[in-house]
């Protein structure tokens, strides 16, 4: 079941005796657990009917014994088990789930990977959440929906700007969007200017604009951005810039192998949001396959230099200038 449906059921008072939240994306796991903890038990009864255990520090048998008890104050008790990925064996849980205590809501947060399918198959009377990481091209759309849930509005370009700057850490992005929701009135349209003021992302000097300038071979704009990055190394570390440029050239190469020139098909082939297609198709026009391979080779070389291999004196700003100059020329 999806995290949205689990939250909807909990909000309606329709509970499962056991929830097993597992997968690579911790944000959705935390979202469900936090919602359950603040929703199922009244605040006045939480001291008596709500418990939190950690898989690293607690024996599973002790957790199961606690789950078998009846609530003290309300209709249910809630037990959250965090760091459940540290639990080695789930035999006691398998046995408990055959006849669970229906006055107990038992929630396991198992992060970083999925539970072994052979074990999961034996755990009955349980709602599983497979918390999958979003692909990079899905994050701008997720940001648009998150902004809407905060009572605000945003266009796709601004959502892409946020995702390029903050990366794929959904918790970090969600926190920044909550700050925005506090700082501006409801129904505000989030513009690059608002993003720059409240999140600190420059609408002109960012990885998205640098990638676009390189793809379009806009040397003047590219040099302006690179000089700004070089003058502000702490805010624009080269170890973050290089992976972004690597993605750019990997996607441009992907355009070469797209079965069609249609934007929708290209976007699906290379796994990106349609908003990016204009830049990637421009990259195909401006760079041959040989030039793309050369750019990727340069990125690998300068990634090593940025980490100290074969470089003892050149600072990050100068390395970035050298790298981009060689790519563009």
Protein backbone atom coordinates (compact mmCIF):
# COMPACT_ATOMS: atom_id res chain seq x y z
CA UNK A 1 0.00 0.00 0.00
CA UNK A 2 1.16 3.56 -0.67
CA UNK A 3 2.10 5.89 2.18
CA UNK A 4 -0.78 8.20 1.17
CA UNK A 5 -3.35 5.40 1.57
CA UNK A 6 -1.89 4.27 4.89
CA UNK A 7 -2.14 7.83 6.20
CA UNK A 8 -5.72 8.16 4.90
CA UNK A 9 -6.76 4.92 6.65
CA UNK A 10 -5.14 5.97 9.92
CA UNK A 11 -6.85 9.38 9.69
CA UNK A 12 -10.21 7.57 9.32
CA UNK A 13 -9.49 5.37 12.35
CA UNK A 14 -9.00 2.23 10.27
CA UNK A 15 -5.91 0.57 11.75
CA UNK A 16 -3.90 -2.55 11.03
CA UNK A 17 -2.40 -4.38 14.02
CA UNK A 18 1.10 -4.22 12.49
CA UNK A 19 2.73 -1.84 10.01
CA UNK A 20 6.09 -2.71 8.48
CA UNK A 21 7.62 0.33 6.79
CA UNK A 22 10.71 -0.60 4.81
CA UNK A 23 12.72 0.57 1.81
CA UNK A 24 15.41 2.97 0.65
CA UNK A 25 13.56 6.29 1.14
CA UNK A 26 13.47 7.24 4.84
CA UNK A 27 11.25 10.30 4.34
CA UNK A 28 8.04 8.34 3.63
CA UNK A 29 8.77 5.94 6.49
CA UNK A 30 9.18 8.82 8.93
CA UNK A 31 6.07 10.52 7.53
CA UNK A 32 3.83 7.52 8.26
CA UNK A 33 5.34 6.84 11.67
CA UNK A 34 5.06 10.47 12.83
CA UNK A 35 1.48 10.72 11.57
CA UNK A 36 0.50 7.56 13.43
CA UNK A 37 2.16 8.69 16.66
CA UNK A 38 0.40 12.03 16.72
CA UNK A 39 -2.97 10.75 15.49
CA UNK A 40 -3.89 7.42 17.08
CA UNK A 41 -3.34 8.24 20.76
CA UNK A 42 -4.62 11.40 22.45
CA UNK A 43 -1.85 13.56 23.81
CA UNK A 44 -3.09 13.09 27.37
CA UNK A 45 -2.69 9.28 27.09
CA UNK A 46 0.63 9.09 25.27
CA UNK A 47 2.65 8.73 28.44
CA UNK A 48 0.77 5.50 29.21
CA UNK A 49 -0.19 4.05 25.81
CA UNK A 50 2.65 5.04 23.50
CA UNK A 51 6.12 3.47 23.47
CA UNK A 52 9.19 3.85 21.27
CA UNK A 53 11.84 1.14 21.02
CA UNK A 54 15.06 0.98 18.99
CA UNK A 55 15.98 -2.21 17.17
CA UNK A 56 19.64 -1.68 17.96
CA UNK A 57 19.05 -1.60 21.72
CA UNK A 58 16.00 -3.80 22.35
CA UNK A 59 15.34 -7.52 22.05
CA UNK A 60 12.46 -8.33 19.71
CA UNK A 61 10.93 -10.61 22.36
CA UNK A 62 10.64 -7.64 24.72
CA UNK A 63 8.87 -5.63 22.00
CA UNK A 64 6.46 -8.49 21.30
CA UNK A 65 5.71 -8.92 25.02
CA UNK A 66 4.88 -5.21 25.22
CA UNK A 67 2.62 -5.53 22.19
CA UNK A 68 0.60 -8.28 23.88
CA UNK A 69 -0.45 -5.98 26.73
CA UNK A 70 -3.69 -4.03 26.78
CA UNK A 71 -3.77 -0.21 26.68
CA UNK A 72 -4.05 1.57 30.03
CA UNK A 73 -5.98 4.72 29.16
CA UNK A 74 -7.54 4.55 25.71
CA UNK A 75 -8.82 2.17 23.07
CA UNK A 76 -5.35 1.41 21.67
CA UNK A 77 -1.67 1.48 22.45
CA UNK A 78 0.94 2.38 19.85
CA UNK A 79 4.42 0.90 19.78
CA UNK A 80 6.97 2.30 17.34
CA UNK A 81 10.13 0.33 16.62
CA UNK A 82 12.79 2.51 15.07
CA UNK A 83 16.02 1.25 13.44
CA UNK A 84 14.34 -2.10 12.88
CA UNK A 85 16.96 -2.90 10.23
CA UNK A 86 19.27 -3.78 13.13
CA UNK A 87 17.01 -6.65 14.23
CA UNK A 88 18.65 -9.88 13.07
CA UNK A 89 15.76 -12.33 13.23
CA UNK A 90 12.01 -11.80 13.11
CA UNK A 91 10.85 -15.21 14.34
CA UNK A 92 9.02 -13.75 17.37
CA UNK A 93 7.24 -11.22 15.14
CA UNK A 94 6.19 -13.93 12.68
CA UNK A 95 4.67 -15.88 15.56
CA UNK A 96 3.01 -12.80 17.08
CA UNK A 97 1.42 -11.74 13.79
CA UNK A 98 -0.46 -15.02 13.52
CA UNK A 99 -2.63 -13.82 16.40
CA UNK A 100 -1.85 -10.14 17.08
CA UNK A 101 -3.25 -8.06 19.92
CA UNK A 102 -5.80 -5.89 18.10
CA UNK A 103 -5.67 -3.21 20.77
CA UNK A 104 -2.02 -2.64 19.84
CA UNK A 105 -0.74 -0.79 16.77
CA UNK A 106 2.83 -2.01 16.19
CA UNK A 107 4.93 0.02 13.73
CA UNK A 108 8.34 -1.10 12.45
CA UNK A 109 10.61 1.42 10.67
CA UNK A 110 13.15 -0.57 8.67
CA UNK A 111 15.30 1.88 6.69
CA UNK A 112 17.85 1.65 3.93
CA UNK A 113 16.65 -1.55 2.28
CA UNK A 114 13.70 -3.90 2.00
CA UNK A 115 13.13 -6.79 4.37
CA UNK A 116 14.07 -10.14 2.86
CA UNK A 117 11.04 -11.22 0.80
CA UNK A 118 11.17 -14.74 2.25
CA UNK A 119 10.79 -13.31 5.76
CA UNK A 120 8.17 -10.74 4.74
CA UNK A 121 6.03 -13.49 3.24
CA UNK A 122 5.75 -15.14 6.66
CA UNK A 123 4.63 -11.96 8.45
CA UNK A 124 0.82 -12.02 8.27
CA UNK A 125 -1.87 -9.52 9.37
CA UNK A 126 0.56 -6.74 8.48
CA UNK A 127 0.42 -3.70 6.23
CA UNK A 128 3.70 -3.25 4.34
CA UNK A 129 4.97 0.02 2.91
CA UNK A 130 7.67 -0.29 0.26
CA UNK A 131 9.28 3.14 0.53
CA UNK A 132 11.04 3.65 -2.80
CA UNK A 133 13.39 6.51 -3.62
CA UNK A 134 12.16 8.95 -6.22
CA UNK A 135 14.07 9.25 -9.46
CA UNK A 136 15.69 12.64 -10.01
CA UNK A 137 13.16 13.51 -12.72
CA UNK A 138 10.28 12.81 -10.29
CA UNK A 139 11.46 15.22 -7.60
CA UNK A 140 10.30 18.49 -9.25
CA UNK A 141 6.77 17.07 -9.57
CA UNK A 142 6.90 15.96 -5.94
CA UNK A 143 7.97 19.49 -4.96
CA UNK A 144 5.01 20.97 -6.85
CA UNK A 145 2.65 18.71 -4.86
CA UNK A 146 4.39 19.48 -1.56
CA UNK A 147 4.14 23.20 -2.20
CA UNK A 148 0.43 22.79 -2.96
CA UNK A 149 -0.06 20.87 0.30
CA UNK A 150 1.41 23.90 2.11
CA UNK A 151 -1.19 26.16 0.49
CA UNK A 152 1.25 27.71 -1.99
CA UNK A 153 1.86 27.58 -5.74
CA UNK A 154 5.01 27.04 -7.81
CA UNK A 155 5.89 26.54 -11.47
CA UNK A 156 7.96 23.68 -12.83
CA UNK A 157 11.10 25.74 -13.46
CA UNK A 158 11.21 26.95 -9.85
CA UNK A 159 10.62 23.38 -8.63
CA UNK A 160 13.55 22.22 -10.77
CA UNK A 161 15.69 25.01 -9.33
CA UNK A 162 14.97 23.78 -5.79
CA UNK A 163 15.64 20.13 -6.67
CA UNK A 164 18.92 20.96 -8.40
CA UNK A 165 20.11 22.96 -5.38
CA UNK A 166 18.89 20.71 -2.55
CA UNK A 167 19.42 17.38 -4.29
CA UNK A 168 17.30 14.28 -3.60
CA UNK A 169 17.08 14.55 0.20
CA UNK A 170 13.29 14.74 0.57
CA UNK A 171 13.44 15.53 4.28
CA UNK A 172 15.70 18.51 3.61
CA UNK A 173 13.46 19.73 0.79
CA UNK A 174 10.30 19.33 2.90
CA UNK A 175 11.87 21.34 5.75
CA UNK A 176 12.78 24.18 3.40
CA UNK A 177 9.27 24.21 1.95
CA UNK A 178 7.77 24.39 5.45
CA UNK A 179 9.98 27.41 6.15
CA UNK A 180 8.65 29.01 2.97
CA UNK A 181 5.08 28.31 4.05
CA UNK A 182 5.72 30.14 7.32
CA UNK A 183 7.49 33.05 5.64
CA UNK A 184 4.97 33.91 2.91
CA UNK A 185 1.14 34.26 2.83
CA UNK A 186 -1.05 31.39 1.68
CA UNK A 187 -1.66 31.11 -2.08
CA UNK A 188 1.62 32.91 -2.80
CA UNK A 189 3.17 31.95 -6.14
CA UNK A 190 6.74 30.89 -5.38
CA UNK A 191 9.07 32.65 -7.80
CA UNK A 192 12.85 32.35 -8.21
CA UNK A 193 13.13 35.67 -6.38
CA UNK A 194 11.30 34.25 -3.34
CA UNK A 195 13.43 31.11 -3.48
CA UNK A 196 16.61 33.20 -3.62
CA UNK A 197 15.52 35.31 -0.64
CA UNK A 198 14.23 32.56 1.66
CA UNK A 199 16.23 29.44 0.67
CA UNK A 200 19.38 31.12 -0.55
CA UNK A 201 19.39 29.71 -4.08
CA UNK A 202 20.53 32.29 -6.61
CA UNK A 203 18.16 32.42 -9.56
CA UNK A 204 21.12 33.24 -11.84
CA UNK A 205 24.07 31.41 -10.30
CA UNK A 206 23.14 27.77 -9.77
CA UNK A 207 23.93 24.31 -11.14
CA UNK A 208 20.82 24.30 -13.31
CA UNK A 209 21.87 27.52 -15.09
CA UNK A 210 25.49 26.34 -15.42
CA UNK A 211 24.39 23.07 -17.03
CA UNK A 212 22.08 24.93 -19.41
CA UNK A 213 24.85 27.38 -20.37
CA UNK A 214 27.26 24.53 -21.11
CA UNK A 215 24.64 22.61 -23.09
CA UNK A 216 23.90 25.68 -25.23
CA UNK A 217 27.61 26.58 -25.46
CA UNK A 218 26.84 30.04 -24.10
CA UNK A 219 30.44 30.94 -23.25
CA UNK A 220 29.70 34.39 -21.81
CA UNK A 221 27.01 33.14 -19.44
CA UNK A 222 29.06 30.08 -18.56
CA UNK A 223 32.10 32.17 -17.62
CA UNK A 224 29.96 34.50 -15.51
CA UNK A 225 28.55 31.58 -13.51
CA UNK A 226 31.91 29.82 -13.17
CA UNK A 227 33.54 33.02 -11.91
CA UNK A 228 30.77 33.41 -9.33
CA UNK A 229 31.21 29.78 -8.23
CA UNK A 230 34.98 30.25 -8.02
CA UNK A 231 34.58 33.35 -5.85
CA UNK A 232 32.20 31.50 -3.51
CA UNK A 233 33.77 28.05 -3.19
CA UNK A 234 32.06 27.18 0.11
CA UNK A 235 28.60 27.71 -1.37
CA UNK A 236 29.43 25.98 -4.66
CA UNK A 237 31.88 23.14 -3.92
CA UNK A 238 33.34 21.51 -6.99
CA UNK A 239 32.58 18.03 -5.61
CA UNK A 240 28.89 18.93 -6.00
CA UNK A 241 29.30 20.65 -9.36
CA UNK A 242 31.12 17.77 -11.06
CA UNK A 243 28.36 15.14 -10.50
CA UNK A 244 25.81 17.64 -11.84
CA UNK A 245 27.83 18.11 -15.03
CA UNK A 246 28.35 14.36 -15.29
CA UNK A 247 24.56 13.92 -15.27
CA UNK A 248 24.29 16.58 -17.96
CA UNK A 249 26.60 14.81 -20.39
CA UNK A 250 25.20 11.36 -19.56
CA UNK A 251 21.72 12.62 -20.46
CA UNK A 252 22.96 14.31 -23.65
CA UNK A 253 24.50 11.01 -24.71
CA UNK A 254 21.15 9.37 -23.92
CA UNK A 255 19.45 11.71 -26.41
CA UNK A 256 21.66 10.23 -29.16
CA UNK A 257 20.14 6.81 -28.47
CA UNK A 258 16.51 7.93 -28.18
CA UNK A 259 14.30 6.07 -30.69
CA UNK A 260 12.48 9.31 -31.52
CA UNK A 261 12.95 13.08 -31.57
CA UNK A 262 9.61 13.60 -29.80
CA UNK A 263 10.15 15.35 -26.42
CA UNK A 264 7.91 12.91 -24.55
CA UNK A 265 9.81 9.90 -25.87
CA UNK A 266 13.21 11.50 -25.25
CA UNK A 267 12.19 12.33 -21.67
CA UNK A 268 11.07 8.74 -21.08
CA UNK A 269 14.20 7.29 -22.70
CA UNK A 270 16.69 9.26 -20.61
CA UNK A 271 14.54 9.42 -17.46
CA UNK A 272 14.16 13.16 -17.01
CA UNK A 273 11.43 15.73 -16.61
CA UNK A 274 10.24 17.20 -19.94
CA UNK A 275 11.33 20.61 -18.72
CA UNK A 276 14.98 19.61 -19.29
CA UNK A 277 14.59 18.34 -22.86
CA UNK A 278 15.36 21.66 -24.55
CA UNK A 279 18.78 21.79 -22.89
CA UNK A 280 19.64 18.16 -23.61
CA UNK A 281 18.64 18.38 -27.28
CA UNK A 282 20.71 21.57 -27.54
CA UNK A 283 23.59 19.60 -26.04
CA UNK A 284 23.22 17.00 -28.76
CA UNK A 285 23.42 19.73 -31.41
CA UNK A 286 26.46 21.32 -29.80
CA UNK A 287 28.51 18.27 -28.81
CA UNK A 288 29.49 15.24 -30.84
CA UNK A 289 29.69 11.82 -29.25
CA UNK A 290 33.48 12.14 -29.15
CA UNK A 291 33.21 15.50 -27.37
CA UNK A 292 30.80 14.00 -24.83
CA UNK A 293 33.19 11.14 -24.09
CA UNK A 294 35.99 13.69 -23.74
CA UNK A 295 33.87 15.78 -21.33
CA UNK A 296 33.11 12.75 -19.17
CA UNK A 297 36.81 11.83 -19.14
CA UNK A 298 37.67 15.38 -18.04
CA UNK A 299 35.04 15.24 -15.28
CA UNK A 300 36.58 12.03 -13.93
CA UNK A 301 40.07 13.57 -14.09
CA UNK A 302 39.07 16.75 -12.28
CA UNK A 303 37.01 14.87 -9.73
CA UNK A 304 40.24 13.12 -8.69
CA UNK A 305 42.14 16.42 -8.69
CA UNK A 306 39.46 18.02 -6.50
CA UNK A 307 39.99 15.18 -4.02
CA UNK A 308 43.75 15.73 -3.96
CA UNK A 309 44.96 13.15 -6.49
CA UNK A 310 47.56 14.72 -8.77
CA UNK A 311 46.89 18.19 -7.38
CA UNK A 312 48.64 19.81 -4.44
CA UNK A 313 48.28 23.55 -5.07
CA UNK A 314 45.41 24.52 -7.39
CA UNK A 315 42.28 25.64 -5.51
CA UNK A 316 38.74 24.57 -6.37
CA UNK A 317 37.87 27.75 -8.20
CA UNK A 318 40.81 27.44 -10.58
CA UNK A 319 40.12 23.75 -11.11
CA UNK A 320 36.54 24.55 -12.10
CA UNK A 321 37.69 27.26 -14.52
CA UNK A 322 40.16 24.84 -16.14
CA UNK A 323 37.59 22.06 -16.34
CA UNK A 324 34.83 24.13 -17.92
CA UNK A 325 37.25 25.82 -20.34
CA UNK A 326 38.48 22.43 -21.59
CA UNK A 327 34.91 21.13 -21.94
CA UNK A 328 33.75 24.20 -23.89
CA UNK A 329 36.81 24.43 -26.14
